[in-house]
Amino acid sequence: MAFLTDRKRAVGMGSAKSGTEHHWSMKKSSVALLILIPFFVFTFGSALGGTYEEVIEYYSHPFPAIIAALTLAVGFKHFNDGAQVMIEDYVHGTAEKYAIIAVTVLSYGLAATGIFAIARLAI
C-alpha cells in the first residue's frame, strides 16, 4: 500500500458529480440572504414593540410580508443545503439517508409553516 500513487488510491472512489451545482446553490442563497437579511431586519424592526393589531396591520402591506416570506424560504433552503453537507461528511450508511430525509422534511416543513403564518397575517 505504501507504493501506491495518489492517483491510484483515488481510482474507483468515484465522484458525486454534483459538487459544483451544490456549491453554486449555496453561493446564490448566501448572496440572496446577504441582501434579504438587512431588509428583513429593517422591516421587522419597525414592527417590534407594537401591539398585536399594529403588527397585523403592518404585515398586511405587501412589502414587509414578501420580504419576510422570501427570507424564510431562502434561509431554510440554505439551512437544508448546509445541513445536508454536514450530514454527508459525518454520518454514514443508512443513518445518513434517514438524517438527510429528516432534515429536508424539517426545513421545508418549517419554511411552509412560516410562509403560511405570514400569508395569514397578510390577508
C-alpha atoms as a PDB file:
ATOM      1  CA  MET A   1       0.000   0.000   0.000  1.00  0.00           C
ATOM      2  CA  ALA A   2       2.898   2.358   0.634  1.00  0.00           C
ATOM      3  CA  PHE A   3       3.951   2.132  -3.020  1.00  0.00           C
ATOM      4  CA  LEU A   4       0.615   3.347  -4.446  1.00  0.00           C
ATOM      5  CA  THR A   5       0.484   6.768  -6.004  1.00  0.00           C
ATOM      6  CA  ASP A   6      -2.152   9.316  -5.051  1.00  0.00           C
ATOM      7  CA  ARG A   7      -3.900   8.776  -8.373  1.00  0.00           C
ATOM      8  CA  LYS A   8      -4.003   5.003  -7.904  1.00  0.00           C
ATOM      9  CA  ARG A   9      -5.507   5.426  -4.424  1.00  0.00           C
ATOM     10  CA  ALA A  10      -8.205   7.710  -5.860  1.00  0.00           C
ATOM     11  CA  VAL A  11      -9.197   5.459  -8.784  1.00  0.00           C
ATOM     12  CA  GLY A  12     -12.540   3.834  -8.154  1.00  0.00           C
ATOM     13  CA  MET A  13     -13.554   6.256  -5.419  1.00  0.00           C
ATOM     14  CA  GLY A  14     -15.926   7.948  -7.844  1.00  0.00           C
ATOM     15  CA  SER A  15     -17.427  11.386  -7.943  1.00  0.00           C
ATOM     16  CA  ALA A  16     -20.879  12.547  -6.949  1.00  0.00           C
ATOM     17  CA  LYS A  17     -20.826  14.911  -9.954  1.00  0.00           C
ATOM     18  CA  SER A  18     -22.972  17.398  -8.044  1.00  0.00           C
ATOM     19  CA  GLY A  19     -20.385  19.318  -6.036  1.00  0.00           C
ATOM     20  CA  THR A  20     -20.252  22.295  -8.400  1.00  0.00           C
ATOM     21  CA  GLU A  21     -24.036  22.562  -8.567  1.00  0.00           C
ATOM     22  CA  HIS A  22     -24.295  22.395  -4.787  1.00  0.00           C
ATOM     23  CA  HIS A  23     -21.520  24.947  -4.366  1.00  0.00           C
ATOM     24  CA  TRP A  24     -23.269  27.428  -6.676  1.00  0.00           C
ATOM     25  CA  SER A  25     -26.596  26.800  -4.935  1.00  0.00           C
ATOM     26  CA  MET A  26     -25.009  27.706  -1.600  1.00  0.00           C
ATOM     27  CA  LYS A  27     -23.315  30.772  -3.110  1.00  0.00           C
ATOM     28  CA  LYS A  28     -26.578  32.009  -4.657  1.00  0.00           C
ATOM     29  CA  SER A  29     -28.534  31.546  -1.444  1.00  0.00           C
ATOM     30  CA  SER A  30     -25.735  33.255   0.522  1.00  0.00           C
ATOM     31  CA  VAL A  31     -25.860  36.313  -1.731  1.00  0.00           C
ATOM     32  CA  ALA A  32     -29.663  36.340  -1.586  1.00  0.00           C
ATOM     33  CA  LEU A  33     -29.538  36.217   2.221  1.00  0.00           C
ATOM     34  CA  LEU A  34     -26.895  38.947   2.218  1.00  0.00           C
ATOM     35  CA  ILE A  35     -29.468  41.177   0.526  1.00  0.00           C
ATOM     36  CA  LEU A  36     -32.603  39.894   2.289  1.00  0.00           C
ATOM     37  CA  ILE A  37     -31.408  39.896   5.912  1.00  0.00           C
ATOM     38  CA  PRO A  38     -30.887  43.697   6.159  1.00  0.00           C
ATOM     39  CA  PHE A  39     -34.272  44.271   4.509  1.00  0.00           C
ATOM     40  CA  PHE A  40     -35.844  41.818   6.957  1.00  0.00           C
ATOM     41  CA  VAL A  41     -34.169  43.429   9.961  1.00  0.00           C
ATOM     42  CA  PHE A  42     -35.353  46.903   8.957  1.00  0.00           C
ATOM     43  CA  THR A  43     -38.902  45.784   8.115  1.00  0.00           C
ATOM     44  CA  PHE A  44     -39.256  43.527  11.151  1.00  0.00           C
ATOM     45  CA  GLY A  45     -37.563  46.033  13.449  1.00  0.00           C
ATOM     46  CA  SER A  46     -40.179  48.675  12.830  1.00  0.00           C
ATOM     47  CA  ALA A  47     -42.912  46.206  13.815  1.00  0.00           C
ATOM     48  CA  LEU A  48     -41.211  45.250  17.095  1.00  0.00           C
ATOM     49  CA  GLY A  49     -42.796  46.597  20.232  1.00  0.00           C
ATOM     50  CA  GLY A  50     -46.144  47.190  18.612  1.00  0.00           C
ATOM     51  CA  THR A  51     -49.434  45.743  19.704  1.00  0.00           C
ATOM     52  CA  TYR A  52     -50.921  42.710  18.010  1.00  0.00           C
ATOM     53  CA  GLU A  53     -53.225  44.866  15.890  1.00  0.00           C
ATOM     54  CA  GLU A  54     -50.345  47.118  14.797  1.00  0.00           C
ATOM     55  CA  VAL A  55     -48.242  44.131  13.723  1.00  0.00           C
ATOM     56  CA  ILE A  56     -51.136  42.625  11.755  1.00  0.00           C
ATOM     57  CA  GLU A  57     -51.786  45.984  10.099  1.00  0.00           C
ATOM     58  CA  TYR A  58     -48.071  46.365   9.292  1.00  0.00           C
ATOM     59  CA  TYR A  59     -47.794  42.898   7.705  1.00  0.00           C
ATOM     60  CA  SER A  60     -50.968  43.467   5.709  1.00  0.00           C
ATOM     61  CA  HIS A  61     -48.811  45.630   3.433  1.00  0.00           C
ATOM     62  CA  PRO A  62     -47.176  43.587   0.651  1.00  0.00           C
ATOM     63  CA  PHE A  63     -43.533  44.697   1.010  1.00  0.00           C
ATOM     64  CA  PRO A  64     -42.857  43.518   4.597  1.00  0.00           C
ATOM     65  CA  ALA A  65     -44.807  40.300   4.038  1.00  0.00           C
ATOM     66  CA  ILE A  66     -42.899  39.486   0.842  1.00  0.00           C
ATOM     67  CA  ILE A  67     -39.524  40.260   2.435  1.00  0.00           C
ATOM     68  CA  ALA A  68     -40.328  38.052   5.445  1.00  0.00           C
ATOM     69  CA  ALA A  69     -41.562  35.181   3.258  1.00  0.00           C
ATOM     70  CA  LEU A  70     -38.529  35.356   0.949  1.00  0.00           C
ATOM     71  CA  THR A  71     -36.171  35.464   3.923  1.00  0.00           C
ATOM     72  CA  LEU A  72     -37.809  32.379   5.413  1.00  0.00           C
ATOM     73  CA  ALA A  73     -37.804  30.449   2.132  1.00  0.00           C
ATOM     74  CA  VAL A  74     -34.207  31.237   1.182  1.00  0.00           C
ATOM     75  CA  GLY A  75     -32.975  30.865   4.765  1.00  0.00           C
ATOM     76  CA  PHE A  76     -34.431  27.402   5.219  1.00  0.00           C
ATOM     77  CA  LYS A  77     -33.188  26.299   1.773  1.00  0.00           C
ATOM     78  CA  HIS A  78     -29.704  27.477   2.738  1.00  0.00           C
ATOM     79  CA  PHE A  79     -30.025  25.669   6.082  1.00  0.00           C
ATOM     80  CA  ASN A  80     -31.101  22.484   4.299  1.00  0.00           C
ATOM     81  CA  ASP A  81     -28.140  22.570   1.905  1.00  0.00           C
ATOM     82  CA  GLY A  82     -25.638  23.245   4.682  1.00  0.00           C
ATOM     83  CA  ALA A  83     -27.051  20.601   6.993  1.00  0.00           C
ATOM     84  CA  GLN A  84     -27.014  18.078   4.155  1.00  0.00           C
ATOM     85  CA  VAL A  85     -23.296  18.696   3.565  1.00  0.00           C
ATOM     86  CA  MET A  86     -22.617  18.337   7.287  1.00  0.00           C
ATOM     87  CA  ILE A  87     -24.553  15.058   7.421  1.00  0.00           C
ATOM     88  CA  GLU A  88     -22.779  13.722   4.325  1.00  0.00           C
ATOM     89  CA  ASP A  89     -19.422  14.486   5.960  1.00  0.00           C
ATOM     90  CA  TYR A  90     -20.061  12.997   9.404  1.00  0.00           C
ATOM     91  CA  VAL A  91     -22.835  10.390   9.132  1.00  0.00           C
ATOM     92  CA  HIS A  92     -22.504   7.241   7.046  1.00  0.00           C
ATOM     93  CA  GLY A  93     -24.610   4.297   5.964  1.00  0.00           C
ATOM     94  CA  THR A  94     -28.363   4.076   6.329  1.00  0.00           C
ATOM     95  CA  ALA A  95     -28.376   6.692   9.083  1.00  0.00           C
ATOM     96  CA  GLU A  96     -27.070   9.214   6.527  1.00  0.00           C
ATOM     97  CA  LYS A  97     -30.076   8.706   4.269  1.00  0.00           C
ATOM     98  CA  TYR A  98     -32.543   8.943   7.147  1.00  0.00           C
ATOM     99  CA  ALA A  99     -30.851  12.040   8.569  1.00  0.00           C
ATOM    100  CA  ILE A 100     -30.905  13.817   5.195  1.00  0.00           C
ATOM    101  CA  ILE A 101     -34.591  12.976   4.747  1.00  0.00           C
ATOM    102  CA  ALA A 102     -35.371  14.180   8.289  1.00  0.00           C
ATOM    103  CA  VAL A 103     -33.509  17.480   7.845  1.00  0.00           C
ATOM    104  CA  THR A 104     -35.162  18.078   4.465  1.00  0.00           C
ATOM    105  CA  VAL A 105     -38.645  17.419   5.850  1.00  0.00           C
ATOM    106  CA  LEU A 106     -37.902  19.599   8.886  1.00  0.00           C
ATOM    107  CA  SER A 107     -36.547  22.548   6.910  1.00  0.00           C
ATOM    108  CA  TYR A 108     -39.262  22.539   4.234  1.00  0.00           C
ATOM    109  CA  GLY A 109     -41.950  21.988   6.860  1.00  0.00           C
ATOM    110  CA  LEU A 110     -40.766  24.925   8.958  1.00  0.00           C
ATOM    111  CA  ALA A 111     -40.474  27.129   5.875  1.00  0.00           C
ATOM    112  CA  ALA A 112     -44.005  26.215   4.791  1.00  0.00           C
ATOM    113  CA  THR A 113     -45.349  26.853   8.283  1.00  0.00           C
ATOM    114  CA  GLY A 114     -43.669  30.251   8.461  1.00  0.00           C
ATOM    115  CA  ILE A 115     -44.833  31.299   4.995  1.00  0.00           C
ATOM    116  CA  PHE A 116     -48.354  30.160   5.826  1.00  0.00           C
ATOM    117  CA  ALA A 117     -48.294  32.233   9.022  1.00  0.00           C
ATOM    118  CA  ILE A 118     -47.108  35.301   7.121  1.00  0.00           C
ATOM    119  CA  ALA A 119     -49.798  34.750   4.488  1.00  0.00           C
ATOM    120  CA  ARG A 120     -52.420  34.568   7.232  1.00  0.00           C
ATOM    121  CA  LEU A 121     -51.161  37.852   8.654  1.00  0.00           C
ATOM    122  CA  ALA A 122     -51.102  39.486   5.235  1.00  0.00           C
ATOM    123  CA  ILE A 123     -54.632  38.500   4.283  1.00  0.00           C
END
